[in-house]
N, C-alpha and C. Protein backbone atom coordinates (compact mmCIF):
# COMPACT_ATOMS: atom_id res chain seq x y z
N MET A 1 -68.44 -89.28 51.50
CA MET A 1 -67.71 -87.61 50.76
C MET A 1 -67.84 -86.72 51.59
N GLU A 2 -68.10 -85.83 51.38
CA GLU A 2 -68.01 -84.65 52.80
C GLU A 2 -67.83 -83.76 51.86
N ARG A 3 -68.89 -83.12 52.28
CA ARG A 3 -69.57 -81.52 51.35
C ARG A 3 -68.86 -80.14 51.79
N LEU A 4 -68.93 -80.70 53.23
CA LEU A 4 -67.44 -78.96 53.89
C LEU A 4 -66.58 -79.64 54.29
N ASN A 5 -65.86 -78.54 54.30
CA ASN A 5 -64.66 -78.45 54.76
C ASN A 5 -64.67 -76.98 55.03
N ALA A 6 -63.27 -76.83 56.51
CA ALA A 6 -62.61 -75.55 56.90
C ALA A 6 -61.87 -74.79 56.21
N THR A 7 -61.23 -73.82 56.55
CA THR A 7 -59.54 -73.40 56.71
C THR A 7 -59.42 -72.89 58.12
N PRO A 8 -57.65 -73.27 57.90
CA PRO A 8 -57.53 -73.33 59.45
C PRO A 8 -57.85 -71.99 60.11
N ALA A 9 -58.09 -70.44 59.58
CA ALA A 9 -58.28 -69.58 59.66
C ALA A 9 -60.04 -69.27 60.21
N ALA A 10 -60.65 -70.23 59.44
CA ALA A 10 -62.56 -70.08 60.49
C ALA A 10 -62.48 -70.98 61.19
N LEU A 11 -62.32 -72.22 61.03
CA LEU A 11 -61.26 -73.02 62.34
C LEU A 11 -61.06 -72.03 63.83
N THR A 12 -60.63 -71.50 63.54
CA THR A 12 -60.04 -70.83 64.54
C THR A 12 -61.23 -69.56 65.02
N LEU A 13 -61.56 -68.81 64.51
CA LEU A 13 -63.01 -68.03 64.50
C LEU A 13 -63.92 -68.84 65.21
N ILE A 14 -64.23 -70.33 64.91
CA ILE A 14 -65.05 -70.97 65.23
C ILE A 14 -64.76 -71.03 67.03
N GLN A 15 -64.03 -72.04 67.29
CA GLN A 15 -64.11 -71.99 68.03
C GLN A 15 -63.62 -71.38 68.95
N GLN A 16 -62.80 -70.39 68.37
CA GLN A 16 -63.37 -69.05 69.93
C GLN A 16 -64.66 -68.25 70.07
N LEU A 17 -65.46 -68.15 69.34
CA LEU A 17 -66.55 -68.20 69.14
C LEU A 17 -67.49 -69.17 69.93
N GLU A 18 -66.92 -70.05 69.61
CA GLU A 18 -68.16 -71.66 70.28
C GLU A 18 -67.45 -71.15 72.57
N GLU A 19 -66.49 -70.62 72.19
CA GLU A 19 -65.84 -70.63 73.86
C GLU A 19 -66.44 -69.37 74.13
N GLU A 20 -66.21 -67.88 73.59
CA GLU A 20 -67.42 -67.50 74.05
C GLU A 20 -69.12 -67.01 74.11
N HIS A 21 -69.75 -67.43 73.38
CA HIS A 21 -71.06 -67.42 72.97
C HIS A 21 -71.25 -69.60 73.35
N GLY A 22 -70.33 -69.66 72.76
CA GLY A 22 -71.25 -71.78 73.79
C GLY A 22 -72.00 -71.50 72.00
N GLU A 23 -72.77 -73.18 72.47
CA GLU A 23 -73.57 -73.86 71.46
C GLU A 23 -73.43 -72.14 70.25
N LEU A 24 -72.96 -73.60 68.78
CA LEU A 24 -73.01 -72.20 68.00
C LEU A 24 -73.84 -73.06 66.22
N LEU A 25 -74.77 -72.19 65.79
CA LEU A 25 -74.81 -73.11 64.94
C LEU A 25 -74.84 -71.81 63.34
N LEU A 26 -74.29 -72.25 62.35
CA LEU A 26 -73.87 -71.85 61.03
C LEU A 26 -75.08 -71.90 59.96
N TYR A 27 -75.28 -71.18 59.05
CA TYR A 27 -76.81 -70.98 58.01
C TYR A 27 -76.60 -69.66 57.15
N GLN A 28 -76.79 -70.67 55.93
CA GLN A 28 -75.52 -70.18 54.71
C GLN A 28 -77.37 -69.81 54.34
N SER A 29 -76.77 -68.08 53.71
CA SER A 29 -78.71 -67.27 53.79
C SER A 29 -77.96 -67.37 52.34
N GLY A 30 -79.15 -66.96 51.65
CA GLY A 30 -79.84 -66.67 50.38
C GLY A 30 -80.05 -65.70 49.85
N GLY A 31 -79.51 -65.26 50.05
CA GLY A 31 -79.47 -63.58 49.75
C GLY A 31 -80.28 -62.22 50.37
N CYS A 32 -80.61 -63.10 51.12
CA CYS A 32 -81.98 -61.71 51.52
C CYS A 32 -81.25 -59.38 52.15
N CYS A 33 -81.19 -60.13 53.34
CA CYS A 33 -80.49 -58.26 53.97
C CYS A 33 -79.13 -58.66 53.15
N GLU A 34 -77.90 -58.89 53.67
CA GLU A 34 -76.88 -58.62 53.30
C GLU A 34 -75.53 -59.29 52.40
N GLY A 35 -76.79 -60.01 51.47
CA GLY A 35 -76.22 -60.87 50.92
C GLY A 35 -76.05 -62.67 50.75
N SER A 36 -75.43 -63.50 50.23
CA SER A 36 -75.86 -64.82 50.43
C SER A 36 -73.84 -65.12 51.31
N THR A 37 -74.39 -65.12 52.47
CA THR A 37 -73.30 -65.24 52.92
C THR A 37 -73.40 -65.77 54.67
N PRO A 38 -72.63 -66.64 54.91
CA PRO A 38 -72.77 -68.25 56.67
C PRO A 38 -73.39 -66.54 57.24
N LEU A 39 -74.22 -67.06 58.16
CA LEU A 39 -74.98 -66.86 58.75
C LEU A 39 -73.90 -67.27 60.27
N CYS A 40 -73.25 -66.76 61.20
CA CYS A 40 -73.13 -67.66 62.82
C CYS A 40 -73.71 -66.87 63.88
N LEU A 41 -74.75 -68.02 64.36
CA LEU A 41 -75.56 -67.64 65.11
C LEU A 41 -74.90 -68.68 66.87
N ARG A 42 -75.71 -67.90 67.88
CA ARG A 42 -75.98 -69.06 68.75
C ARG A 42 -76.80 -69.79 68.91
N GLN A 43 -77.02 -70.96 69.17
CA GLN A 43 -78.16 -71.95 69.33
C GLN A 43 -79.00 -71.09 69.51
N GLY A 44 -80.34 -71.36 68.75
CA GLY A 44 -81.62 -71.15 69.45
C GLY A 44 -81.94 -69.12 68.60
N GLU A 45 -81.05 -69.60 68.45
CA GLU A 45 -81.06 -68.02 67.46
C GLU A 45 -81.85 -68.07 66.36
N MET A 46 -81.95 -68.65 66.27
CA MET A 46 -83.02 -69.36 64.50
C MET A 46 -83.14 -70.90 64.35
N GLN A 47 -84.79 -71.10 63.98
CA GLN A 47 -85.86 -71.90 64.17
C GLN A 47 -85.45 -72.85 63.05
N ILE A 48 -84.19 -73.50 63.10
CA ILE A 48 -83.70 -74.62 62.23
C ILE A 48 -85.52 -75.30 61.46
N THR A 49 -85.49 -75.78 60.67
CA THR A 49 -87.20 -75.91 60.10
C THR A 49 -86.46 -77.68 59.52
N PRO A 50 -87.18 -78.70 59.99
CA PRO A 50 -86.98 -80.38 59.09
C PRO A 50 -87.22 -80.25 57.63
N HIS A 51 -87.07 -78.91 57.01
CA HIS A 51 -87.15 -78.86 55.44
C HIS A 51 -85.28 -77.88 55.80
N ASP A 52 -85.07 -77.41 55.83
CA ASP A 52 -84.09 -77.12 56.10
C ASP A 52 -82.48 -78.00 56.08
N VAL A 53 -81.26 -78.10 55.48
CA VAL A 53 -80.56 -79.12 55.21
C VAL A 53 -79.03 -79.38 55.29
N LEU A 54 -78.65 -80.15 56.25
CA LEU A 54 -77.49 -80.24 57.22
C LEU A 54 -75.91 -79.98 55.97
N LEU A 55 -75.42 -79.12 56.58
CA LEU A 55 -74.00 -79.33 54.60
C LEU A 55 -73.42 -80.23 55.22
N GLY A 56 -73.58 -80.03 56.78
CA GLY A 56 -72.30 -80.32 57.19
C GLY A 56 -71.46 -79.99 58.44
N GLN A 57 -70.20 -80.85 59.73
CA GLN A 57 -70.56 -79.72 60.31
C GLN A 57 -68.87 -79.15 60.56
N VAL A 58 -68.35 -77.44 61.02
CA VAL A 58 -67.18 -77.08 61.70
C VAL A 58 -67.25 -77.54 63.09
N SER A 59 -65.81 -78.41 62.93
CA SER A 59 -65.70 -78.02 65.22
C SER A 59 -66.63 -78.48 64.97
N ARG A 60 -68.28 -77.78 66.59
CA ARG A 60 -68.85 -78.97 67.33
C ARG A 60 -70.71 -77.75 66.42
N THR A 61 -69.66 -77.04 65.50
CA THR A 61 -71.13 -75.97 65.00
C THR A 61 -71.54 -76.81 63.80
N ARG A 62 -73.20 -77.03 63.85
CA ARG A 62 -74.15 -77.51 62.28
C ARG A 62 -73.84 -76.39 61.34
N PHE A 63 -73.71 -76.33 60.45
CA PHE A 63 -73.77 -75.79 59.47
C PHE A 63 -74.91 -76.46 57.99
N TYR A 64 -76.38 -75.87 57.96
CA TYR A 64 -77.68 -75.27 57.75
C TYR A 64 -77.83 -74.54 55.91
N THR A 65 -78.76 -74.70 55.57
CA THR A 65 -79.03 -74.02 54.75
C THR A 65 -80.25 -73.29 53.75
N SER A 66 -80.90 -73.89 53.14
CA SER A 66 -82.88 -73.99 53.06
C SER A 66 -82.41 -74.30 51.25
N PRO A 67 -84.27 -74.53 51.69
CA PRO A 67 -84.06 -76.04 50.84
C PRO A 67 -84.02 -76.01 49.73
N SER A 68 -84.30 -73.95 49.68
CA SER A 68 -84.07 -73.14 47.48
C SER A 68 -82.26 -73.21 47.95
N GLN A 69 -81.82 -72.86 48.85
CA GLN A 69 -80.23 -72.60 48.22
C GLN A 69 -79.77 -73.98 48.05
N PHE A 70 -80.54 -75.30 48.86
CA PHE A 70 -79.31 -76.00 48.80
C PHE A 70 -79.93 -76.11 47.17
N THR A 71 -81.03 -75.80 46.10
CA THR A 71 -80.61 -76.53 45.10
C THR A 71 -79.37 -75.90 44.09
N TYR A 72 -79.08 -74.66 44.82
CA TYR A 72 -78.00 -74.40 44.06
C TYR A 72 -76.62 -75.00 44.22
N LEU A 73 -76.82 -75.56 45.74
CA LEU A 73 -74.96 -75.83 46.31
C LEU A 73 -75.49 -77.06 46.23
N GLN A 74 -75.96 -78.34 45.88
CA GLN A 74 -75.79 -79.53 45.58
C GLN A 74 -75.69 -80.15 44.93
N HIS A 75 -74.55 -80.02 44.04
CA HIS A 75 -73.32 -80.04 43.44
C HIS A 75 -72.24 -79.66 43.51
N SER A 76 -72.10 -78.73 44.47
CA SER A 76 -70.38 -78.68 45.23
C SER A 76 -70.20 -78.47 46.52
N HIS A 77 -68.78 -78.43 46.51
CA HIS A 77 -67.88 -79.04 47.91
C HIS A 77 -67.70 -77.22 48.59
N LEU A 78 -68.29 -77.28 49.27
CA LEU A 78 -67.63 -75.87 50.08
C LEU A 78 -67.04 -75.51 50.92
N THR A 79 -65.90 -75.18 50.93
CA THR A 79 -64.84 -74.56 52.15
C THR A 79 -64.87 -73.20 53.36
N LEU A 80 -65.46 -73.01 54.23
CA LEU A 80 -65.76 -72.03 54.37
C LEU A 80 -64.25 -71.42 55.07
N ASP A 81 -64.62 -70.09 54.79
CA ASP A 81 -63.00 -69.30 55.57
C ASP A 81 -63.66 -68.45 55.92
N ALA A 82 -62.64 -67.51 57.00
CA ALA A 82 -63.39 -66.36 57.80
C ALA A 82 -61.81 -65.33 57.53
N VAL A 83 -61.96 -64.12 57.11
CA VAL A 83 -61.49 -62.97 55.87
C VAL A 83 -61.60 -61.78 56.99
N PRO A 84 -60.65 -60.91 57.68
CA PRO A 84 -60.64 -60.00 57.49
C PRO A 84 -62.06 -58.71 57.22
N GLY A 85 -62.67 -58.08 57.72
CA GLY A 85 -63.65 -57.23 57.55
C GLY A 85 -64.41 -57.44 57.18
N ARG A 86 -66.27 -56.77 56.91
CA ARG A 86 -67.22 -56.54 57.38
C ARG A 86 -67.81 -56.90 57.25
N GLY A 87 -68.90 -58.60 57.58
CA GLY A 87 -69.84 -59.24 56.68
C GLY A 87 -70.80 -59.48 57.89
N ASP A 88 -72.04 -59.67 57.61
CA ASP A 88 -73.14 -59.19 58.11
C ASP A 88 -73.11 -59.03 59.42
N SER A 89 -73.88 -57.86 59.45
CA SER A 89 -73.96 -57.78 60.57
C SER A 89 -75.03 -58.73 61.66
N PHE A 90 -75.62 -59.36 61.35
CA PHE A 90 -75.84 -60.64 62.73
C PHE A 90 -75.32 -61.24 62.84
N SER A 91 -74.24 -61.28 61.94
CA SER A 91 -73.65 -62.46 62.53
C SER A 91 -72.11 -62.13 63.20
N LEU A 92 -72.26 -63.53 64.49
CA LEU A 92 -71.38 -63.58 66.00
C LEU A 92 -70.12 -62.68 66.12
N GLU A 93 -69.44 -63.46 63.84
CA GLU A 93 -68.04 -62.14 63.82
C GLU A 93 -67.99 -61.38 63.16
N ALA A 94 -68.41 -60.02 63.55
CA ALA A 94 -68.99 -58.95 62.97
C ALA A 94 -68.20 -58.79 63.75
N GLY A 95 -68.22 -58.73 65.27
CA GLY A 95 -67.76 -58.03 65.96
C GLY A 95 -66.64 -57.64 66.54
N LEU A 96 -65.25 -59.03 65.87
CA LEU A 96 -64.83 -59.55 66.08
C LEU A 96 -63.64 -58.58 64.90
N GLY A 97 -64.16 -58.12 63.80
CA GLY A 97 -63.63 -57.77 62.10
C GLY A 97 -63.42 -58.35 61.47
N TYR A 98 -63.84 -59.93 62.02
CA TYR A 98 -63.71 -60.89 60.65
C TYR A 98 -65.04 -60.87 59.75
N CYS A 99 -65.53 -61.13 59.12
CA CYS A 99 -66.27 -62.33 58.41
C CYS A 99 -66.27 -63.38 57.35
N PHE A 100 -67.06 -64.65 57.58
CA PHE A 100 -67.21 -65.88 56.69
C PHE A 100 -67.60 -65.96 55.53
N ILE A 101 -66.83 -66.54 54.09
CA ILE A 101 -67.71 -66.66 53.22
C ILE A 101 -67.36 -68.36 53.18
N ILE A 102 -68.04 -68.30 51.75
CA ILE A 102 -68.22 -69.87 51.42
C ILE A 102 -66.75 -70.39 50.12
N HIS A 103 -66.07 -70.85 50.00
CA HIS A 103 -65.28 -70.84 48.14
C HIS A 103 -66.19 -72.93 48.09
N SER A 104 -66.88 -72.14 47.11
CA SER A 104 -67.17 -73.45 45.87
C SER A 104 -66.32 -73.66 44.75
N ARG A 105 -66.67 -75.16 44.60
CA ARG A 105 -66.55 -75.45 43.24
C ARG A 105 -67.21 -77.10 43.43
N LEU A 106 -67.51 -77.05 41.96
CA LEU A 106 -68.50 -78.52 41.63
C LEU A 106 -67.92 -80.10 42.17
N PHE A 107 -68.67 -80.24 41.94
CA PHE A 107 -67.71 -81.39 42.80
C PHE A 107 -67.16 -82.48 41.01
N SER A 108 -65.59 -82.71 41.52
CA SER A 108 -66.02 -83.48 39.68
C SER A 108 -66.55 -85.21 39.47
N ASP A 109 -65.97 -85.72 38.44
CA ASP A 109 -66.67 -86.49 38.16
C ASP A 109 -67.16 -87.69 38.97
N ALA A 110 -66.08 -87.58 39.76
CA ALA A 110 -65.32 -89.18 40.09
C ALA A 110 -66.64 -88.74 41.75
N GLU A 111 -66.50 -87.04 42.36
CA GLU A 111 -67.39 -87.67 43.40
C GLU A 111 -68.06 -87.60 42.83
N ARG A 112 -69.32 -87.18 42.08
CA ARG A 112 -70.93 -87.33 41.97
C ARG A 112 -70.94 -88.66 41.24
N GLN A 113 -70.12 -90.00 40.28
CA GLN A 113 -69.71 -90.61 41.31
C GLN A 113 -69.87 -91.76 43.14
N ALA A 114 -68.70 -91.50 43.37
CA ALA A 114 -69.48 -91.57 44.82
C ALA A 114 -70.68 -91.59 45.10
N GLN A 115 -71.36 -90.34 44.65
CA GLN A 115 -72.82 -90.10 45.31
C GLN A 115 -73.53 -90.19 44.94
N GLY A 116 -73.14 -91.32 43.44
CA GLY A 116 -74.75 -92.16 43.13
C GLY A 116 -74.81 -90.95 41.70
N GLU A 117 -74.56 -89.59 41.10
CA GLU A 117 -75.24 -88.33 40.51
C GLU A 117 -74.40 -88.70 39.08
N SER A 118 -75.27 -88.20 38.19
CA SER A 118 -75.23 -88.22 37.20
C SER A 118 -75.25 -86.95 36.85
N ARG A 119 -74.53 -86.95 35.41
CA ARG A 119 -73.93 -85.27 34.85
C ARG A 119 -75.45 -85.09 34.35
């Protein structure tokens, strides 16, 4: 079972950013400077630690979060979306007039069972 997927708008934006900037990474922020938002950065602009959690991959871009943020996300399916607007000023899509957002929903009972989780 996958934990992450992306809307067509997010896929299009990621592919555009990959073409322009090369290898990228996404990181689900825990709410520091500009709120809980996915950050899109060039590979190497942020140090991923062995403790960070890989949520999945969008196109060729891996999507991570911190262990503390994963505590809140571990029982959720996440959908990366891209919408017009101003998001995090550190994120690459900000200059294009878009921002990435996350839609989340709790896993269904069947999904949790498939993962070996209990209620």
